[in-house]
Amino acid sequence: MNKYVLFIGIGFELIGLIVVSLLVSNYFEEKYQTKGTLTSVVILIALIGWFIHIYFLLSKVNKATEVDKKNDNT
């Protein structure tokens, strides 16, 4: 797994997540007239989910790096 490609992908993930969240929340804002509250909540939930995803992804990368280092030492 190329780490540089992984980190570039993380940036695109965040951009895509924010754009999709805005589009979805704008649709529901027009439908329910919540004056921006729904947009804030949707983006906040999306970001929390993204941070959890990043945590597990980086944990996986860290474990793979440790295994690679261990294999290089033997």
PDB file of N, CA and C in Angstrom:
ATOM      1  N   MET A   1       0.848  -1.167   0.000  1.00  0.00           N
ATOM      2  CA  MET A   1       0.000   0.000   0.000  1.00  0.00           C
ATOM      3  C   MET A   1       0.899   1.237   0.000  1.00  0.00           C
ATOM      4  N   ASN A   2       0.735   2.078  -0.992  1.00  0.00           N
ATOM      5  CA  ASN A   2       1.528   3.284  -1.085  1.00  0.00           C
ATOM      6  C   ASN A   2       0.921   4.346  -0.164  1.00  0.00           C
ATOM      7  N   LYS A   3       1.710   4.781   0.827  1.00  0.00           N
ATOM      8  CA  LYS A   3       1.190   5.707   1.835  1.00  0.00           C
ATOM      9  C   LYS A   3       0.849   7.066   1.255  1.00  0.00           C
ATOM     10  N   TYR A   4       1.600   7.503   0.254  1.00  0.00           N
ATOM     11  CA  TYR A   4       1.335   8.815  -0.319  1.00  0.00           C
ATOM     12  C   TYR A   4      -0.011   8.850  -1.026  1.00  0.00           C
ATOM     13  N   VAL A   5      -0.313   7.808  -1.743  1.00  0.00           N
ATOM     14  CA  VAL A   5      -1.608   7.726  -2.428  1.00  0.00           C
ATOM     15  C   VAL A   5      -2.731   7.670  -1.401  1.00  0.00           C
ATOM     16  N   LEU A   6      -2.487   6.968  -0.309  1.00  0.00           N
ATOM     17  CA  LEU A   6      -3.477   6.871   0.758  1.00  0.00           C
ATOM     18  C   LEU A   6      -3.799   8.244   1.328  1.00  0.00           C
ATOM     19  N   PHE A   7      -2.777   9.045   1.605  1.00  0.00           N
ATOM     20  CA  PHE A   7      -3.011  10.363   2.194  1.00  0.00           C
ATOM     21  C   PHE A   7      -3.632  11.344   1.196  1.00  0.00           C
ATOM     22  N   ILE A   8      -3.327  11.217  -0.072  1.00  0.00           N
ATOM     23  CA  ILE A   8      -3.994  12.035  -1.091  1.00  0.00           C
ATOM     24  C   ILE A   8      -5.473  11.655  -1.152  1.00  0.00           C
ATOM     25  N   GLY A   9      -5.741  10.363  -1.063  1.00  0.00           N
ATOM     26  CA  GLY A   9      -7.118   9.878  -1.068  1.00  0.00           C
ATOM     27  C   GLY A   9      -7.914  10.379   0.121  1.00  0.00           C
ATOM     28  N   ILE A  10      -7.252  10.522   1.264  1.00  0.00           N
ATOM     29  CA  ILE A  10      -7.923  11.031   2.457  1.00  0.00           C
ATOM     30  C   ILE A  10      -8.426  12.457   2.206  1.00  0.00           C
ATOM     31  N   GLY A  11      -7.616  13.271   1.555  1.00  0.00           N
ATOM     32  CA  GLY A  11      -8.032  14.638   1.240  1.00  0.00           C
ATOM     33  C   GLY A  11      -9.226  14.676   0.315  1.00  0.00           C
ATOM     34  N   PHE A  12      -9.202  13.837  -0.720  1.00  0.00           N
ATOM     35  CA  PHE A  12     -10.336  13.791  -1.644  1.00  0.00           C
ATOM     36  C   PHE A  12     -11.588  13.251  -0.956  1.00  0.00           C
ATOM     37  N   GLU A  13     -11.399  12.312  -0.032  1.00  0.00           N
ATOM     38  CA  GLU A  13     -12.531  11.803   0.737  1.00  0.00           C
ATOM     39  C   GLU A  13     -13.217  12.926   1.504  1.00  0.00           C
ATOM     40  N   LEU A  14     -12.410  13.754   2.151  1.00  0.00           N
ATOM     41  CA  LEU A  14     -12.966  14.845   2.948  1.00  0.00           C
ATOM     42  C   LEU A  14     -13.718  15.844   2.071  1.00  0.00           C
ATOM     43  N   ILE A  15     -13.136  16.194   0.947  1.00  0.00           N
ATOM     44  CA  ILE A  15     -13.794  17.134   0.030  1.00  0.00           C
ATOM     45  C   ILE A  15     -15.116  16.550  -0.469  1.00  0.00           C
ATOM     46  N   GLY A  16     -15.085  15.299  -0.887  1.00  0.00           N
ATOM     47  CA  GLY A  16     -16.304  14.645  -1.371  1.00  0.00           C
ATOM     48  C   GLY A  16     -17.365  14.537  -0.290  1.00  0.00           C
ATOM     49  N   LEU A  17     -16.925  14.234   0.913  1.00  0.00           N
ATOM     50  CA  LEU A  17     -17.859  14.111   2.029  1.00  0.00           C
ATOM     51  C   LEU A  17     -18.558  15.439   2.312  1.00  0.00           C
ATOM     52  N   ILE A  18     -17.806  16.506   2.315  1.00  0.00           N
ATOM     53  CA  ILE A  18     -18.398  17.823   2.582  1.00  0.00           C
ATOM     54  C   ILE A  18     -19.355  18.226   1.462  1.00  0.00           C
ATOM     55  N   VAL A  19     -18.966  18.005   0.210  1.00  0.00           N
ATOM     56  CA  VAL A  19     -19.822  18.367  -0.921  1.00  0.00           C
ATOM     57  C   VAL A  19     -21.129  17.567  -0.891  1.00  0.00           C
ATOM     58  N   VAL A  20     -21.026  16.274  -0.684  1.00  0.00           N
ATOM     59  CA  VAL A  20     -22.234  15.438  -0.644  1.00  0.00           C
ATOM     60  C   VAL A  20     -23.112  15.826   0.544  1.00  0.00           C
ATOM     61  N   SER A  21     -22.491  16.085   1.696  1.00  0.00           N
ATOM     62  CA  SER A  21     -23.263  16.498   2.867  1.00  0.00           C
ATOM     63  C   SER A  21     -24.004  17.804   2.608  1.00  0.00           C
ATOM     64  N   LEU A  22     -23.342  18.745   1.962  1.00  0.00           N
ATOM     65  CA  LEU A  22     -24.000  20.018   1.643  1.00  0.00           C
ATOM     66  C   LEU A  22     -25.161  19.827   0.678  1.00  0.00           C
ATOM     67  N   LEU A  23     -24.960  19.010  -0.345  1.00  0.00           N
ATOM     68  CA  LEU A  23     -26.026  18.774  -1.315  1.00  0.00           C
ATOM     69  C   LEU A  23     -27.243  18.110  -0.676  1.00  0.00           C
ATOM     70  N   VAL A  24     -26.984  17.085   0.130  1.00  0.00           N
ATOM     71  CA  VAL A  24     -28.080  16.370   0.776  1.00  0.00           C
ATOM     72  C   VAL A  24     -28.802  17.273   1.774  1.00  0.00           C
ATOM     73  N   SER A  25     -27.998  17.990   2.581  1.00  0.00           N
ATOM     74  CA  SER A  25     -28.629  18.839   3.595  1.00  0.00           C
ATOM     75  C   SER A  25     -29.367  20.017   2.964  1.00  0.00           C
ATOM     76  N   ASN A  26     -28.868  20.556   1.859  1.00  0.00           N
ATOM     77  CA  ASN A  26     -29.585  21.638   1.175  1.00  0.00           C
ATOM     78  C   ASN A  26     -30.934  21.167   0.653  1.00  0.00           C
ATOM     79  N   TYR A  27     -30.983  19.935   0.152  1.00  0.00           N
ATOM     80  CA  TYR A  27     -32.249  19.380  -0.314  1.00  0.00           C
ATOM     81  C   TYR A  27     -33.264  19.334   0.832  1.00  0.00           C
ATOM     82  N   PHE A  28     -32.821  18.825   1.986  1.00  0.00           N
ATOM     83  CA  PHE A  28     -33.731  18.725   3.125  1.00  0.00           C
ATOM     84  C   PHE A  28     -34.008  20.085   3.769  1.00  0.00           C
ATOM     85  N   GLU A  29     -33.066  21.019   3.659  1.00  0.00           N
ATOM     86  CA  GLU A  29     -33.311  22.381   4.154  1.00  0.00           C
ATOM     87  C   GLU A  29     -34.465  23.025   3.383  1.00  0.00           C
ATOM     88  N   GLU A  30     -34.467  22.870   2.070  1.00  0.00           N
ATOM     89  CA  GLU A  30     -35.544  23.437   1.261  1.00  0.00           C
ATOM     90  C   GLU A  30     -36.875  22.774   1.577  1.00  0.00           C
ATOM     91  N   LYS A  31     -36.822  21.487   1.883  1.00  0.00           N
ATOM     92  CA  LYS A  31     -38.047  20.744   2.133  1.00  0.00           C
ATOM     93  C   LYS A  31     -38.632  21.060   3.518  1.00  0.00           C
ATOM     94  N   TYR A  32     -37.772  21.153   4.553  1.00  0.00           N
ATOM     95  CA  TYR A  32     -38.262  21.305   5.927  1.00  0.00           C
ATOM     96  C   TYR A  32     -38.031  22.682   6.538  1.00  0.00           C
ATOM     97  N   GLN A  33     -37.296  23.578   5.864  1.00  0.00           N
ATOM     98  CA  GLN A  33     -37.071  24.954   6.330  1.00  0.00           C
ATOM     99  C   GLN A  33     -36.537  24.998   7.770  1.00  0.00           C
ATOM    100  N   THR A  34     -35.361  24.417   7.999  1.00  0.00           N
ATOM    101  CA  THR A  34     -34.790  24.389   9.348  1.00  0.00           C
ATOM    102  C   THR A  34     -33.780  25.502   9.589  1.00  0.00           C
ATOM    103  N   LYS A  35     -33.618  26.425   8.666  1.00  0.00           N
ATOM    104  CA  LYS A  35     -32.781  27.622   8.800  1.00  0.00           C
ATOM    105  C   LYS A  35     -31.306  27.311   9.093  1.00  0.00           C
ATOM    106  N   GLY A  36     -30.771  26.294   8.471  1.00  0.00           N
ATOM    107  CA  GLY A  36     -29.350  26.005   8.587  1.00  0.00           C
ATOM    108  C   GLY A  36     -28.974  25.013   9.663  1.00  0.00           C
ATOM    109  N   THR A  37     -29.897  24.705  10.546  1.00  0.00           N
ATOM    110  CA  THR A  37     -29.601  23.769  11.628  1.00  0.00           C
ATOM    111  C   THR A  37     -29.312  22.378  11.084  1.00  0.00           C
ATOM    112  N   LEU A  38     -30.107  21.935  10.158  1.00  0.00           N
ATOM    113  CA  LEU A  38     -29.932  20.610   9.579  1.00  0.00           C
ATOM    114  C   LEU A  38     -28.597  20.499   8.854  1.00  0.00           C
ATOM    115  N   THR A  39     -28.198  21.537   8.146  1.00  0.00           N
ATOM    116  CA  THR A  39     -26.914  21.533   7.441  1.00  0.00           C
ATOM    117  C   THR A  39     -25.775  21.383   8.439  1.00  0.00           C
ATOM    118  N   SER A  40     -25.821  22.111   9.516  1.00  0.00           N
ATOM    119  CA  SER A  40     -24.775  22.026  10.536  1.00  0.00           C
ATOM    120  C   SER A  40     -24.705  20.632  11.147  1.00  0.00           C
ATOM    121  N   VAL A  41     -25.839  20.072  11.445  1.00  0.00           N
ATOM    122  CA  VAL A  41     -25.883  18.752  12.070  1.00  0.00           C
ATOM    123  C   VAL A  41     -25.369  17.685  11.105  1.00  0.00           C
ATOM    124  N   VAL A  42     -25.792  17.744   9.855  1.00  0.00           N
ATOM    125  CA  VAL A  42     -25.363  16.738   8.868  1.00  0.00           C
ATOM    126  C   VAL A  42     -23.854  16.805   8.654  1.00  0.00           C
ATOM    127  N   ILE A  43     -23.308  17.999   8.521  1.00  0.00           N
ATOM    128  CA  ILE A  43     -21.867  18.135   8.311  1.00  0.00           C
ATOM    129  C   ILE A  43     -21.101  17.687   9.548  1.00  0.00           C
ATOM    130  N   LEU A  44     -21.594  18.012  10.738  1.00  0.00           N
ATOM    131  CA  LEU A  44     -20.932  17.589  11.965  1.00  0.00           C
ATOM    132  C   LEU A  44     -20.918  16.075  12.100  1.00  0.00           C
ATOM    133  N   ILE A  45     -22.036  15.436  11.819  1.00  0.00           N
ATOM    134  CA  ILE A  45     -22.107  13.973  11.883  1.00  0.00           C
ATOM    135  C   ILE A  45     -21.182  13.350  10.842  1.00  0.00           C
ATOM    136  N   ALA A  46     -21.159  13.921   9.646  1.00  0.00           N
ATOM    137  CA  ALA A  46     -20.278  13.400   8.595  1.00  0.00           C
ATOM    138  C   ALA A  46     -18.806  13.526   8.999  1.00  0.00           C
ATOM    139  N   LEU A  47     -18.431  14.638   9.588  1.00  0.00           N
ATOM    140  CA  LEU A  47     -17.040  14.827  10.011  1.00  0.00           C
ATOM    141  C   LEU A  47     -16.653  13.896  11.152  1.00  0.00           C
ATOM    142  N   ILE A  48     -17.553  13.686  12.083  1.00  0.00           N
ATOM    143  CA  ILE A  48     -17.278  12.742  13.171  1.00  0.00           C
ATOM    144  C   ILE A  48     -17.077  11.343  12.603  1.00  0.00           C
ATOM    145  N   GLY A  49     -17.937  10.931  11.685  1.00  0.00           N
ATOM    146  CA  GLY A  49     -17.773   9.627  11.038  1.00  0.00           C
ATOM    147  C   GLY A  49     -16.479   9.539  10.265  1.00  0.00           C
ATOM    148  N   TRP A  50     -16.099  10.638   9.603  1.00  0.00           N
ATOM    149  CA  TRP A  50     -14.852  10.652   8.834  1.00  0.00           C
ATOM    150  C   TRP A  50     -13.646  10.520   9.759  1.00  0.00           C
ATOM    151  N   PHE A  51     -13.663  11.219  10.903  1.00  0.00           N
ATOM    152  CA  PHE A  51     -12.553  11.111  11.847  1.00  0.00           C
ATOM    153  C   PHE A  51     -12.424   9.695  12.405  1.00  0.00           C
ATOM    154  N   ILE A  52     -13.538   9.050  12.669  1.00  0.00           N
ATOM    155  CA  ILE A  52     -13.502   7.663  13.140  1.00  0.00           C
ATOM    156  C   ILE A  52     -12.910   6.776  12.058  1.00  0.00           C
ATOM    157  N   HIS A  53     -13.326   6.978  10.820  1.00  0.00           N
ATOM    158  CA  HIS A  53     -12.787   6.220   9.686  1.00  0.00           C
ATOM    159  C   HIS A  53     -11.279   6.436   9.556  1.00  0.00           C
ATOM    160  N   ILE A  54     -10.827   7.676   9.684  1.00  0.00           N
ATOM    161  CA  ILE A  54      -9.399   7.997   9.578  1.00  0.00           C
ATOM    162  C   ILE A  54      -8.626   7.340  10.711  1.00  0.00           C
ATOM    163  N   TYR A  55      -9.174   7.328  11.916  1.00  0.00           N
ATOM    164  CA  TYR A  55      -8.510   6.702  13.050  1.00  0.00           C
ATOM    165  C   TYR A  55      -8.248   5.225  12.768  1.00  0.00           C
ATOM    166  N   PHE A  56      -9.265   4.512  12.315  1.00  0.00           N
ATOM    167  CA  PHE A  56      -9.086   3.086  12.040  1.00  0.00           C
ATOM    168  C   PHE A  56      -8.168   2.849  10.842  1.00  0.00           C
ATOM    169  N   LEU A  57      -8.248   3.707   9.844  1.00  0.00           N
ATOM    170  CA  LEU A  57      -7.384   3.584   8.680  1.00  0.00           C
ATOM    171  C   LEU A  57      -5.920   3.792   9.057  1.00  0.00           C
ATOM    172  N   LEU A  58      -5.644   4.809   9.853  1.00  0.00           N
ATOM    173  CA  LEU A  58      -4.268   5.068  10.276  1.00  0.00           C
ATOM    174  C   LEU A  58      -3.756   3.996  11.233  1.00  0.00           C
ATOM    175  N   SER A  59      -4.636   3.425  12.032  1.00  0.00           N
ATOM    176  CA  SER A  59      -4.240   2.300  12.888  1.00  0.00           C
ATOM    177  C   SER A  59      -3.804   1.111  12.036  1.00  0.00           C
ATOM    178  N   LYS A  60      -4.548   0.870  10.973  1.00  0.00           N
ATOM    179  CA  LYS A  60      -4.216  -0.227  10.067  1.00  0.00           C
ATOM    180  C   LYS A  60      -2.877   0.021   9.376  1.00  0.00           C
ATOM    181  N   VAL A  61      -2.647   1.265   8.943  1.00  0.00           N
ATOM    182  CA  VAL A  61      -1.387   1.615   8.289  1.00  0.00           C
ATOM    183  C   VAL A  61      -0.235   1.477   9.274  1.00  0.00           C
ATOM    184  N   ASN A  62      -0.451   1.899  10.510  1.00  0.00           N
ATOM    185  CA  ASN A  62       0.578   1.804  11.535  1.00  0.00           C
ATOM    186  C   ASN A  62       0.938   0.350  11.811  1.00  0.00           C
ATOM    187  N   LYS A  63      -0.042  -0.521  11.899  1.00  0.00           N
ATOM    188  CA  LYS A  63       0.225  -1.952  12.114  1.00  0.00           C
ATOM    189  C   LYS A  63       0.992  -2.548  10.938  1.00  0.00           C
ATOM    190  N   ALA A  64       0.616  -2.156   9.718  1.00  0.00           N
ATOM    191  CA  ALA A  64       1.314  -2.665   8.538  1.00  0.00           C
ATOM    192  C   ALA A  64       2.765  -2.185   8.521  1.00  0.00           C
ATOM    193  N   THR A  65       3.003  -0.967   8.955  1.00  0.00           N
ATOM    194  CA  THR A  65       4.363  -0.430   9.010  1.00  0.00           C
ATOM    195  C   THR A  65       5.191  -1.181  10.039  1.00  0.00           C
ATOM    196  N   GLU A  66       4.590  -1.475  11.188  1.00  0.00           N
ATOM    197  CA  GLU A  66       5.301  -2.230  12.222  1.00  0.00           C
ATOM    198  C   GLU A  66       5.653  -3.626  11.736  1.00  0.00           C
ATOM    199  N   VAL A  67       4.752  -4.266  11.022  1.00  0.00           N
ATOM    200  CA  VAL A  67       5.028  -5.603  10.486  1.00  0.00           C
ATOM    201  C   VAL A  67       6.159  -5.533   9.457  1.00  0.00           C
ATOM    202  N   ASP A  68       6.135  -4.499   8.606  1.00  0.00           N
ATOM    203  CA  ASP A  68       7.197  -4.336   7.613  1.00  0.00           C
ATOM    204  C   ASP A  68       8.551  -4.127   8.281  1.00  0.00           C
ATOM    205  N   LYS A  69       8.579  -3.325   9.333  1.00  0.00           N
ATOM    206  CA  LYS A  69       9.830  -3.084  10.056  1.00  0.00           C
ATOM    207  C   LYS A  69      10.325  -4.359  10.721  1.00  0.00           C
ATOM    208  N   LYS A  70       9.393  -5.133  11.272  1.00  0.00           N
ATOM    209  CA  LYS A  70       9.758  -6.369  11.940  1.00  0.00           C
ATOM    210  C   LYS A  70      10.315  -7.366  10.907  1.00  0.00           C
ATOM    211  N   ASN A  71       9.716  -7.429   9.730  1.00  0.00           N
ATOM    212  CA  ASN A  71      10.190  -8.324   8.680  1.00  0.00           C
ATOM    213  C   ASN A  71      11.543  -7.899   8.138  1.00  0.00           C
ATOM    214  N   ASP A  72      11.828  -6.604   8.119  1.00  0.00           N
ATOM    215  CA  ASP A  72      13.114  -6.116   7.649  1.00  0.00           C
ATOM    216  C   ASP A  72      14.230  -6.440   8.626  1.00  0.00           C
ATOM    217  N   ASN A  73      13.912  -6.494   9.903  1.00  0.00           N
ATOM    218  CA  ASN A  73      14.925  -6.773  10.927  1.00  0.00           C
ATOM    219  C   ASN A  73      15.282  -8.243  11.003  1.00  0.00           C
ATOM    220  N   THR A  74      14.441  -9.125  10.509  1.00  0.00           N
ATOM    221  CA  THR A  74      14.735 -10.563  10.603  1.00  0.00           C
ATOM    222  C   THR A  74      15.439 -11.070   9.395  1.00  0.00           C
TER     223      THR A  74
END
